[in-house]
C-alpha atoms as a PDB file:
ATOM      1  CA  MET A   1       0.000   0.000   0.000  1.00  0.00           C
ATOM      2  CA  ASN A   2       2.727   2.497   0.933  1.00  0.00           C
ATOM      3  CA  ASP A   3       5.281   1.702  -1.716  1.00  0.00           C
ATOM      4  CA  PRO A   4       8.424   3.754  -0.884  1.00  0.00           C
ATOM      5  CA  GLN A   5       9.492   3.874  -4.542  1.00  0.00           C
ATOM      6  CA  ARG A   6       6.196   5.409  -5.605  1.00  0.00           C
ATOM      7  CA  PHE A   7       6.541   8.479  -3.373  1.00  0.00           C
ATOM      8  CA  ASP A   8      10.282   8.994  -3.564  1.00  0.00           C
ATOM      9  CA  PRO A   9      10.791  12.779  -3.303  1.00  0.00           C
ATOM     10  CA  TYR A  10      14.109  12.601  -5.152  1.00  0.00           C
ATOM     11  CA  LYS A  11      12.486  10.925  -8.155  1.00  0.00           C
ATOM     12  CA  LEU A  12       9.710  13.517  -8.142  1.00  0.00           C
ATOM     13  CA  ALA A  13      12.223  16.368  -7.949  1.00  0.00           C
ATOM     14  CA  ARG A  14      14.273  14.845 -10.767  1.00  0.00           C
ATOM     15  CA  ALA A  15      11.168  14.420 -12.923  1.00  0.00           C
ATOM     16  CA  ARG A  16      10.227  18.062 -12.326  1.00  0.00           C
ATOM     17  CA  ALA A  17      13.752  19.214 -13.172  1.00  0.00           C
ATOM     18  CA  VAL A  18      13.756  17.178 -16.391  1.00  0.00           C
ATOM     19  CA  ALA A  19      10.331  18.554 -17.347  1.00  0.00           C
ATOM     20  CA  ARG A  20      11.507  22.118 -16.692  1.00  0.00           C
ATOM     21  CA  ARG A  21      14.678  21.515 -18.741  1.00  0.00           C
ATOM     22  CA  ASP A  22      12.626  20.085 -21.619  1.00  0.00           C
ATOM     23  CA  PHE A  23      10.383  23.149 -21.570  1.00  0.00           C
ATOM     24  CA  LEU A  24      13.371  25.500 -21.648  1.00  0.00           C
ATOM     25  CA  ILE A  25      14.795  23.602 -24.619  1.00  0.00           C
ATOM     26  CA  HIS A  26      11.410  23.907 -26.359  1.00  0.00           C
ATOM     27  CA  LEU A  27      11.330  27.644 -25.618  1.00  0.00           C
ATOM     28  CA  ALA A  28      14.958  28.125 -26.698  1.00  0.00           C
ATOM     29  CA  LEU A  29      14.179  26.515 -30.043  1.00  0.00           C
ATOM     30  CA  PHE A  30      10.913  28.384 -30.510  1.00  0.00           C
ATOM     31  CA  VAL A  31      12.072  31.974 -29.944  1.00  0.00           C
ATOM     32  CA  PRO A  32      14.890  32.220 -32.513  1.00  0.00           C
ATOM     33  CA  SER A  33      12.980  30.105 -35.033  1.00  0.00           C
ATOM     34  CA  ALA A  34       9.873  32.259 -34.711  1.00  0.00           C
ATOM     35  CA  VAL A  35      11.894  35.464 -35.038  1.00  0.00           C
ATOM     36  CA  LEU A  36      13.678  34.092 -38.092  1.00  0.00           C
ATOM     37  CA  LEU A  37      10.413  33.033 -39.748  1.00  0.00           C
ATOM     38  CA  LEU A  38       8.814  36.402 -39.048  1.00  0.00           C
ATOM     39  CA  LEU A  39      11.861  38.207 -40.456  1.00  0.00           C
ATOM     40  CA  PHE A  40      11.785  36.044 -43.581  1.00  0.00           C
ATOM     41  CA  ASN A  41       8.123  36.853 -43.971  1.00  0.00           C
ATOM     42  CA  LEU A  42       8.743  40.563 -43.399  1.00  0.00           C
ATOM     43  CA  PHE A  43      11.341  40.754 -46.181  1.00  0.00           C
ATOM     44  CA  ASP A  44       9.393  38.422 -48.468  1.00  0.00           C
ATOM     45  CA  GLN A  45       7.276  41.329 -49.756  1.00  0.00           C
ATOM     46  CA  THR A  46       4.070  39.266 -49.852  1.00  0.00           C
ATOM     47  CA  GLU A  47       0.739  40.366 -48.474  1.00  0.00           C
ATOM     48  CA  ILE A  48       0.093  37.044 -46.761  1.00  0.00           C
ATOM     49  CA  TRP A  49       1.792  36.479 -43.403  1.00  0.00           C
ATOM     50  CA  TRP A  50       2.450  32.790 -44.016  1.00  0.00           C
ATOM     51  CA  SER A  51       4.796  32.551 -41.037  1.00  0.00           C
ATOM     52  CA  LEU A  52       1.859  32.996 -38.659  1.00  0.00           C
ATOM     53  CA  TYR A  53       0.492  29.628 -39.819  1.00  0.00           C
ATOM     54  CA  VAL A  54       3.606  28.076 -38.306  1.00  0.00           C
ATOM     55  CA  VAL A  55       4.369  30.399 -35.402  1.00  0.00           C
ATOM     56  CA  LEU A  56       0.915  30.619 -33.783  1.00  0.00           C
ATOM     57  CA  PRO A  57       0.271  26.856 -33.426  1.00  0.00           C
ATOM     58  CA  TRP A  58       3.839  26.398 -32.215  1.00  0.00           C
ATOM     59  CA  LEU A  59       3.295  29.228 -29.703  1.00  0.00           C
ATOM     60  CA  LEU A  60       0.180  27.452 -28.466  1.00  0.00           C
ATOM     61  CA  GLY A  61       2.243  24.296 -28.011  1.00  0.00           C
ATOM     62  CA  VAL A  62       4.907  26.174 -26.052  1.00  0.00           C
ATOM     63  CA  LEU A  63       2.265  27.804 -23.836  1.00  0.00           C
ATOM     64  CA  LEU A  64       0.566  24.485 -23.129  1.00  0.00           C
ATOM     65  CA  HIS A  65       3.946  22.904 -22.435  1.00  0.00           C
ATOM     66  CA  GLY A  66       4.694  25.665 -19.926  1.00  0.00           C
ATOM     67  CA  LEU A  67       1.258  25.349 -18.325  1.00  0.00           C
ATOM     68  CA  SER A  68       1.782  21.616 -17.918  1.00  0.00           C
ATOM     69  CA  LEU A  69       4.555  22.432 -15.436  1.00  0.00           C
ATOM     70  CA  THR A  70       2.160  24.151 -13.046  1.00  0.00           C
ATOM     71  CA  ARG A  71       0.729  22.195 -10.142  1.00  0.00           C
ATOM     72  CA  PRO A  72      -2.991  21.981 -11.119  1.00  0.00           C
ATOM     73  CA  LEU A  73      -2.270  20.766 -14.639  1.00  0.00           C
ATOM     74  CA  ALA A  74       0.421  18.391 -13.404  1.00  0.00           C
ATOM     75  CA  ARG A  75      -2.136  16.801 -11.090  1.00  0.00           C
ATOM     76  CA  LEU A  76      -4.544  16.462 -13.987  1.00  0.00           C
ATOM     77  CA  ALA A  77      -1.827  14.837 -16.100  1.00  0.00           C
ATOM     78  CA  ARG A  78      -1.075  12.377 -13.292  1.00  0.00           C
ATOM     79  CA  PHE A  79      -4.773  11.530 -13.121  1.00  0.00           C
ATOM     80  CA  PHE A  80      -4.662  10.416 -16.749  1.00  0.00           C
ATOM     81  CA  ASP A  81      -1.333   8.649 -16.392  1.00  0.00           C
ATOM     82  CA  ALA A  82      -1.304   5.381 -18.304  1.00  0.00           C
ATOM     83  CA  SER A  83       0.053   3.456 -15.331  1.00  0.00           C
ATOM     84  CA  ARG A  84      -3.028   4.359 -13.292  1.00  0.00           C
ATOM     85  CA  LEU A  85      -5.441   3.414 -16.074  1.00  0.00           C
ATOM     86  CA  SER A  86      -4.193  -0.127 -16.456  1.00  0.00           C
END
């Protein structure tokens, strides 16, 4: 019932640190890529802002990734964890 491996605080802290690192990598890839795409589109001299079709969904993904690190959404993600469903 009280499995010590299940509630190991070091494993939880490591998992949070890895999740935070993964988010920062995602953000570090998004920002320069989005700026580059917007600059390409700015100098492209077209009336259609085609870069927004890439940047806005990616921005939504980055925002949701960042929100998944907050406590309420992390609890919700744990609720739907595959190990609990089986």
